[in-house]
N, C-alpha and C. Protein backbone atom coordinates (compact mmCIF):
# COMPACT_ATOMS: atom_id res chain seq x y z
N MET A 1 84.71 99.46 -162.47
CA MET A 1 84.78 98.14 -161.89
C MET A 1 83.36 97.66 -161.61
N THR A 2 83.08 96.44 -161.95
CA THR A 2 81.77 95.85 -161.74
C THR A 2 81.76 95.09 -160.42
N VAL A 3 80.72 95.32 -159.62
CA VAL A 3 80.58 94.62 -158.35
C VAL A 3 79.98 93.25 -158.63
N PRO A 4 80.60 92.18 -158.13
CA PRO A 4 80.05 90.85 -158.34
C PRO A 4 78.62 90.77 -157.80
N LEU A 5 77.79 90.02 -158.49
CA LEU A 5 76.38 89.89 -158.11
C LEU A 5 76.22 89.50 -156.65
N ALA A 6 77.07 88.60 -156.16
CA ALA A 6 76.96 88.13 -154.78
C ALA A 6 77.20 89.25 -153.77
N LEU A 7 77.88 90.34 -154.17
CA LEU A 7 78.19 91.43 -153.24
C LEU A 7 77.22 92.59 -153.34
N ARG A 8 76.32 92.55 -154.30
CA ARG A 8 75.36 93.63 -154.46
C ARG A 8 74.30 93.55 -153.36
N SER A 9 73.93 94.71 -152.89
CA SER A 9 72.90 94.77 -151.85
C SER A 9 71.53 94.60 -152.49
N PRO A 10 70.63 93.88 -151.81
CA PRO A 10 69.27 93.78 -152.33
C PRO A 10 68.44 95.03 -152.04
N VAL A 11 69.02 95.97 -151.31
CA VAL A 11 68.30 97.19 -150.93
C VAL A 11 68.32 98.18 -152.09
N PRO A 12 67.15 98.50 -152.65
CA PRO A 12 67.10 99.48 -153.74
C PRO A 12 67.62 100.84 -153.27
N GLN A 13 68.15 101.59 -154.20
CA GLN A 13 68.76 102.88 -153.88
C GLN A 13 67.81 103.81 -153.13
N GLU A 14 66.55 103.88 -153.55
CA GLU A 14 65.60 104.80 -152.91
C GLU A 14 65.29 104.37 -151.48
N VAL A 15 65.28 103.07 -151.21
CA VAL A 15 65.07 102.57 -149.85
C VAL A 15 66.29 102.90 -149.00
N GLY A 16 67.47 102.65 -149.54
CA GLY A 16 68.70 102.93 -148.81
C GLY A 16 68.84 104.41 -148.47
N ALA A 17 68.47 105.27 -149.41
CA ALA A 17 68.56 106.71 -149.16
C ALA A 17 67.61 107.14 -148.05
N GLU A 18 66.40 106.62 -148.08
CA GLU A 18 65.42 106.99 -147.04
C GLU A 18 65.84 106.41 -145.69
N LEU A 19 66.35 105.20 -145.67
CA LEU A 19 66.84 104.60 -144.43
C LEU A 19 67.97 105.44 -143.85
N GLN A 20 68.88 105.89 -144.70
CA GLN A 20 69.99 106.73 -144.24
C GLN A 20 69.47 108.03 -143.61
N ARG A 21 68.44 108.61 -144.20
CA ARG A 21 67.86 109.84 -143.64
C ARG A 21 67.24 109.58 -142.26
N VAL A 22 66.55 108.45 -142.12
CA VAL A 22 65.94 108.10 -140.83
C VAL A 22 67.04 107.92 -139.78
N VAL A 23 68.08 107.19 -140.13
CA VAL A 23 69.18 106.94 -139.18
C VAL A 23 69.84 108.25 -138.77
N GLN A 24 70.10 109.13 -139.73
CA GLN A 24 70.71 110.42 -139.41
C GLN A 24 69.82 111.24 -138.48
N ARG A 25 68.53 111.25 -138.76
CA ARG A 25 67.61 112.00 -137.91
C ARG A 25 67.56 111.42 -136.51
N TRP A 26 67.53 110.08 -136.42
CA TRP A 26 67.48 109.41 -135.12
C TRP A 26 68.69 109.80 -134.27
N ARG A 27 69.84 109.87 -134.89
CA ARG A 27 71.07 110.21 -134.16
C ARG A 27 71.06 111.64 -133.64
N GLN A 28 70.22 112.48 -134.22
CA GLN A 28 70.14 113.87 -133.78
C GLN A 28 69.15 114.08 -132.64
N LEU A 29 68.33 113.09 -132.37
CA LEU A 29 67.29 113.23 -131.35
C LEU A 29 67.87 113.21 -129.94
N PRO A 30 67.38 114.06 -129.07
CA PRO A 30 67.72 113.93 -127.65
C PRO A 30 67.14 112.61 -127.13
N LEU A 31 67.72 112.06 -126.11
CA LEU A 31 67.32 110.76 -125.59
C LEU A 31 65.83 110.70 -125.23
N ASP A 32 65.31 111.74 -124.60
CA ASP A 32 63.89 111.70 -124.21
C ASP A 32 62.98 111.63 -125.43
N ARG A 33 63.34 112.31 -126.51
CA ARG A 33 62.53 112.23 -127.75
C ARG A 33 62.69 110.86 -128.40
N ALA A 34 63.91 110.33 -128.40
CA ALA A 34 64.13 108.99 -128.97
C ALA A 34 63.29 107.97 -128.21
N LEU A 35 63.27 108.08 -126.90
CA LEU A 35 62.49 107.15 -126.09
C LEU A 35 61.00 107.26 -126.41
N SER A 36 60.53 108.48 -126.69
CA SER A 36 59.11 108.64 -126.98
C SER A 36 58.73 108.06 -128.35
N TYR A 37 59.67 107.95 -129.27
CA TYR A 37 59.41 107.38 -130.59
C TYR A 37 59.82 105.91 -130.70
N ALA A 38 60.48 105.40 -129.70
CA ALA A 38 61.02 104.04 -129.76
C ALA A 38 59.94 102.99 -130.03
N GLY A 39 58.79 103.14 -129.43
CA GLY A 39 57.70 102.18 -129.64
C GLY A 39 57.27 102.11 -131.10
N HIS A 40 57.19 103.26 -131.74
CA HIS A 40 56.79 103.29 -133.15
C HIS A 40 57.86 102.63 -134.04
N VAL A 41 59.12 102.91 -133.74
CA VAL A 41 60.20 102.30 -134.52
C VAL A 41 60.20 100.79 -134.30
N ARG A 42 60.03 100.37 -133.04
CA ARG A 42 59.98 98.93 -132.75
C ARG A 42 58.84 98.25 -133.50
N ALA A 43 57.71 98.93 -133.59
CA ALA A 43 56.56 98.38 -134.32
C ALA A 43 56.89 98.19 -135.80
N LEU A 44 57.59 99.14 -136.40
CA LEU A 44 58.00 99.00 -137.79
C LEU A 44 58.99 97.85 -137.95
N VAL A 45 59.95 97.76 -137.05
CA VAL A 45 60.93 96.67 -137.09
C VAL A 45 60.21 95.32 -136.97
N GLN A 46 59.27 95.22 -136.06
CA GLN A 46 58.55 93.96 -135.87
C GLN A 46 57.69 93.64 -137.11
N SER A 47 57.08 94.65 -137.68
CA SER A 47 56.28 94.45 -138.88
C SER A 47 57.14 93.92 -140.03
N LEU A 48 58.32 94.49 -140.18
CA LEU A 48 59.24 94.01 -141.21
C LEU A 48 59.67 92.57 -140.93
N ALA A 49 59.97 92.28 -139.67
CA ALA A 49 60.37 90.92 -139.28
C ALA A 49 59.25 89.92 -139.57
N ASP A 50 58.03 90.30 -139.26
CA ASP A 50 56.88 89.43 -139.53
C ASP A 50 56.72 89.19 -141.03
N GLY A 51 56.90 90.24 -141.83
CA GLY A 51 56.80 90.11 -143.28
C GLY A 51 57.87 89.20 -143.85
N VAL A 52 59.09 89.31 -143.31
CA VAL A 52 60.18 88.45 -143.76
C VAL A 52 59.89 87.01 -143.39
N ALA A 53 59.40 86.80 -142.18
CA ALA A 53 59.08 85.44 -141.74
C ALA A 53 58.02 84.83 -142.66
N GLU A 54 57.01 85.60 -142.97
CA GLU A 54 55.95 85.11 -143.85
C GLU A 54 56.48 84.80 -145.25
N ALA A 55 57.30 85.70 -145.77
CA ALA A 55 57.83 85.53 -147.13
C ALA A 55 58.78 84.34 -147.25
N THR A 56 59.47 84.04 -146.16
CA THR A 56 60.46 82.97 -146.21
C THR A 56 59.96 81.66 -145.61
N GLY A 57 58.74 81.68 -145.08
CA GLY A 57 58.18 80.46 -144.51
C GLY A 57 58.75 80.08 -143.16
N VAL A 58 59.32 81.05 -142.48
CA VAL A 58 59.88 80.83 -141.14
C VAL A 58 58.87 81.30 -140.11
N ARG A 59 58.84 80.62 -138.98
CA ARG A 59 57.92 81.03 -137.91
C ARG A 59 58.32 82.41 -137.38
N ALA A 60 57.34 83.28 -137.26
CA ALA A 60 57.59 84.64 -136.77
C ALA A 60 57.96 84.60 -135.29
N SER A 61 58.84 85.49 -134.90
CA SER A 61 59.21 85.62 -133.49
C SER A 61 59.39 87.10 -133.18
N ALA A 62 59.37 87.40 -131.90
CA ALA A 62 59.49 88.79 -131.46
C ALA A 62 60.93 89.27 -131.58
N VAL A 63 61.08 90.48 -132.11
CA VAL A 63 62.39 91.11 -132.16
C VAL A 63 62.68 91.63 -130.75
N PRO A 64 63.85 91.31 -130.20
CA PRO A 64 64.13 91.73 -128.82
C PRO A 64 64.23 93.24 -128.68
N ASP A 65 63.79 93.74 -127.55
CA ASP A 65 63.91 95.17 -127.23
C ASP A 65 65.27 95.37 -126.57
N CYS A 66 66.21 95.91 -127.33
CA CYS A 66 67.56 96.14 -126.83
C CYS A 66 67.82 97.61 -126.52
N GLY A 67 66.76 98.41 -126.52
CA GLY A 67 66.90 99.82 -126.19
C GLY A 67 67.06 100.70 -127.42
N PRO A 68 66.95 102.01 -127.21
CA PRO A 68 66.98 102.95 -128.33
C PRO A 68 68.32 103.02 -129.06
N ALA A 69 69.40 102.68 -128.38
CA ALA A 69 70.72 102.77 -129.02
C ALA A 69 70.88 101.75 -130.14
N THR A 70 70.14 100.66 -130.09
CA THR A 70 70.28 99.63 -131.12
C THR A 70 69.14 99.62 -132.14
N LEU A 71 68.15 100.46 -131.94
CA LEU A 71 66.98 100.43 -132.83
C LEU A 71 67.33 100.68 -134.30
N MET A 72 68.23 101.58 -134.58
CA MET A 72 68.57 101.85 -135.98
C MET A 72 69.33 100.67 -136.60
N ASP A 73 70.12 99.98 -135.79
CA ASP A 73 70.78 98.78 -136.29
C ASP A 73 69.75 97.70 -136.60
N GLN A 74 68.78 97.53 -135.71
CA GLN A 74 67.73 96.55 -135.94
C GLN A 74 66.90 96.93 -137.18
N LEU A 75 66.60 98.21 -137.32
CA LEU A 75 65.84 98.66 -138.49
C LEU A 75 66.63 98.40 -139.77
N THR A 76 67.91 98.70 -139.76
CA THR A 76 68.76 98.49 -140.93
C THR A 76 68.80 97.03 -141.33
N VAL A 77 68.97 96.15 -140.36
CA VAL A 77 68.99 94.71 -140.65
C VAL A 77 67.66 94.24 -141.21
N MET A 78 66.56 94.70 -140.62
CA MET A 78 65.25 94.26 -141.09
C MET A 78 64.92 94.82 -142.47
N VAL A 79 65.36 96.03 -142.77
CA VAL A 79 65.16 96.59 -144.11
C VAL A 79 65.93 95.73 -145.12
N TYR A 80 67.15 95.39 -144.80
CA TYR A 80 67.95 94.53 -145.68
C TYR A 80 67.25 93.18 -145.88
N ASP A 81 66.83 92.57 -144.79
CA ASP A 81 66.15 91.27 -144.89
C ASP A 81 64.85 91.36 -145.67
N ALA A 82 64.09 92.43 -145.46
CA ALA A 82 62.83 92.60 -146.18
C ALA A 82 63.08 92.76 -147.67
N CYS A 83 64.11 93.51 -148.03
CA CYS A 83 64.44 93.69 -149.44
C CYS A 83 64.94 92.39 -150.06
N ALA A 84 65.74 91.65 -149.31
CA ALA A 84 66.23 90.36 -149.80
C ALA A 84 65.07 89.39 -150.01
N ALA A 85 64.11 89.39 -149.11
CA ALA A 85 62.94 88.52 -149.24
C ALA A 85 62.09 88.96 -150.43
N ALA A 86 61.99 90.26 -150.66
CA ALA A 86 61.19 90.77 -151.77
C ALA A 86 61.83 90.40 -153.11
N VAL A 87 63.16 90.40 -153.17
CA VAL A 87 63.86 90.05 -154.41
C VAL A 87 63.53 88.63 -154.82
N SER A 88 63.38 87.76 -153.84
CA SER A 88 63.09 86.36 -154.16
C SER A 88 61.61 86.10 -154.39
N SER A 89 60.79 87.14 -154.30
CA SER A 89 59.36 86.99 -154.57
C SER A 89 58.98 87.84 -155.77
N THR A 90 57.72 87.89 -156.09
CA THR A 90 57.25 88.68 -157.23
C THR A 90 56.78 90.06 -156.80
N ARG A 91 56.94 90.42 -155.53
CA ARG A 91 56.40 91.68 -155.00
C ARG A 91 57.46 92.77 -154.88
N THR A 92 58.54 92.70 -155.62
CA THR A 92 59.65 93.61 -155.43
C THR A 92 59.25 95.08 -155.51
N SER A 93 58.60 95.52 -156.57
CA SER A 93 58.29 96.94 -156.72
C SER A 93 57.26 97.42 -155.70
N ALA A 94 56.27 96.60 -155.41
CA ALA A 94 55.26 96.98 -154.41
C ALA A 94 55.90 97.06 -153.03
N GLN A 95 56.76 96.11 -152.71
CA GLN A 95 57.46 96.09 -151.42
C GLN A 95 58.36 97.31 -151.29
N THR A 96 59.08 97.63 -152.36
CA THR A 96 59.98 98.78 -152.34
C THR A 96 59.20 100.07 -152.10
N SER A 97 58.11 100.24 -152.81
CA SER A 97 57.29 101.43 -152.66
C SER A 97 56.76 101.57 -151.24
N LYS A 98 56.26 100.50 -150.67
CA LYS A 98 55.73 100.53 -149.31
C LYS A 98 56.83 100.83 -148.30
N LEU A 99 57.99 100.24 -148.51
CA LEU A 99 59.11 100.45 -147.59
C LEU A 99 59.57 101.91 -147.62
N VAL A 100 59.66 102.48 -148.80
CA VAL A 100 60.03 103.89 -148.92
C VAL A 100 59.00 104.76 -148.20
N GLN A 101 57.72 104.46 -148.39
CA GLN A 101 56.66 105.23 -147.73
C GLN A 101 56.74 105.09 -146.22
N ASP A 102 56.95 103.87 -145.73
CA ASP A 102 57.03 103.65 -144.28
C ASP A 102 58.22 104.39 -143.67
N LEU A 103 59.36 104.34 -144.34
CA LEU A 103 60.55 105.01 -143.82
C LEU A 103 60.40 106.53 -143.89
N ALA A 104 59.82 107.04 -144.97
CA ALA A 104 59.60 108.49 -145.10
C ALA A 104 58.63 108.97 -144.02
N SER A 105 57.60 108.19 -143.77
CA SER A 105 56.63 108.54 -142.73
C SER A 105 57.32 108.58 -141.36
N LEU A 106 58.14 107.59 -141.09
CA LEU A 106 58.89 107.57 -139.82
C LEU A 106 59.79 108.79 -139.71
N ARG A 107 60.50 109.11 -140.77
CA ARG A 107 61.41 110.27 -140.76
C ARG A 107 60.65 111.55 -140.48
N ARG A 108 59.49 111.71 -141.09
CA ARG A 108 58.68 112.91 -140.85
C ARG A 108 58.21 112.97 -139.40
N GLU A 109 57.87 111.84 -138.83
CA GLU A 109 57.45 111.83 -137.42
C GLU A 109 58.59 112.23 -136.50
N LEU A 110 59.80 111.87 -136.86
CA LEU A 110 60.97 112.18 -136.03
C LEU A 110 61.38 113.64 -136.13
N ALA A 111 60.92 114.34 -137.15
CA ALA A 111 61.33 115.73 -137.37
C ALA A 111 60.77 116.67 -136.32
């Protein structure tokens, strides 16, 4: 069965796989460790949000701090948005490579 184009995710497989690893690792962290890494994750989320704003011509705004329980949801949404913005630009492969590197780096820090 072929998935209609409108239902396909803009997130490349390698980005999705690395994001899934980060989310799984985050869920395994004790709360005190998650809190100690929360600032770094928030910085990545904000960086992605800023990149999406720039790519789409929207004014950048601060991503709200909703606590460590929502950080992986915020990261997932921003990864999706960043990939969608990259698809509509000419930087798709460079963006994908950087995103995989950023997520892998985060995962290693969480280990």
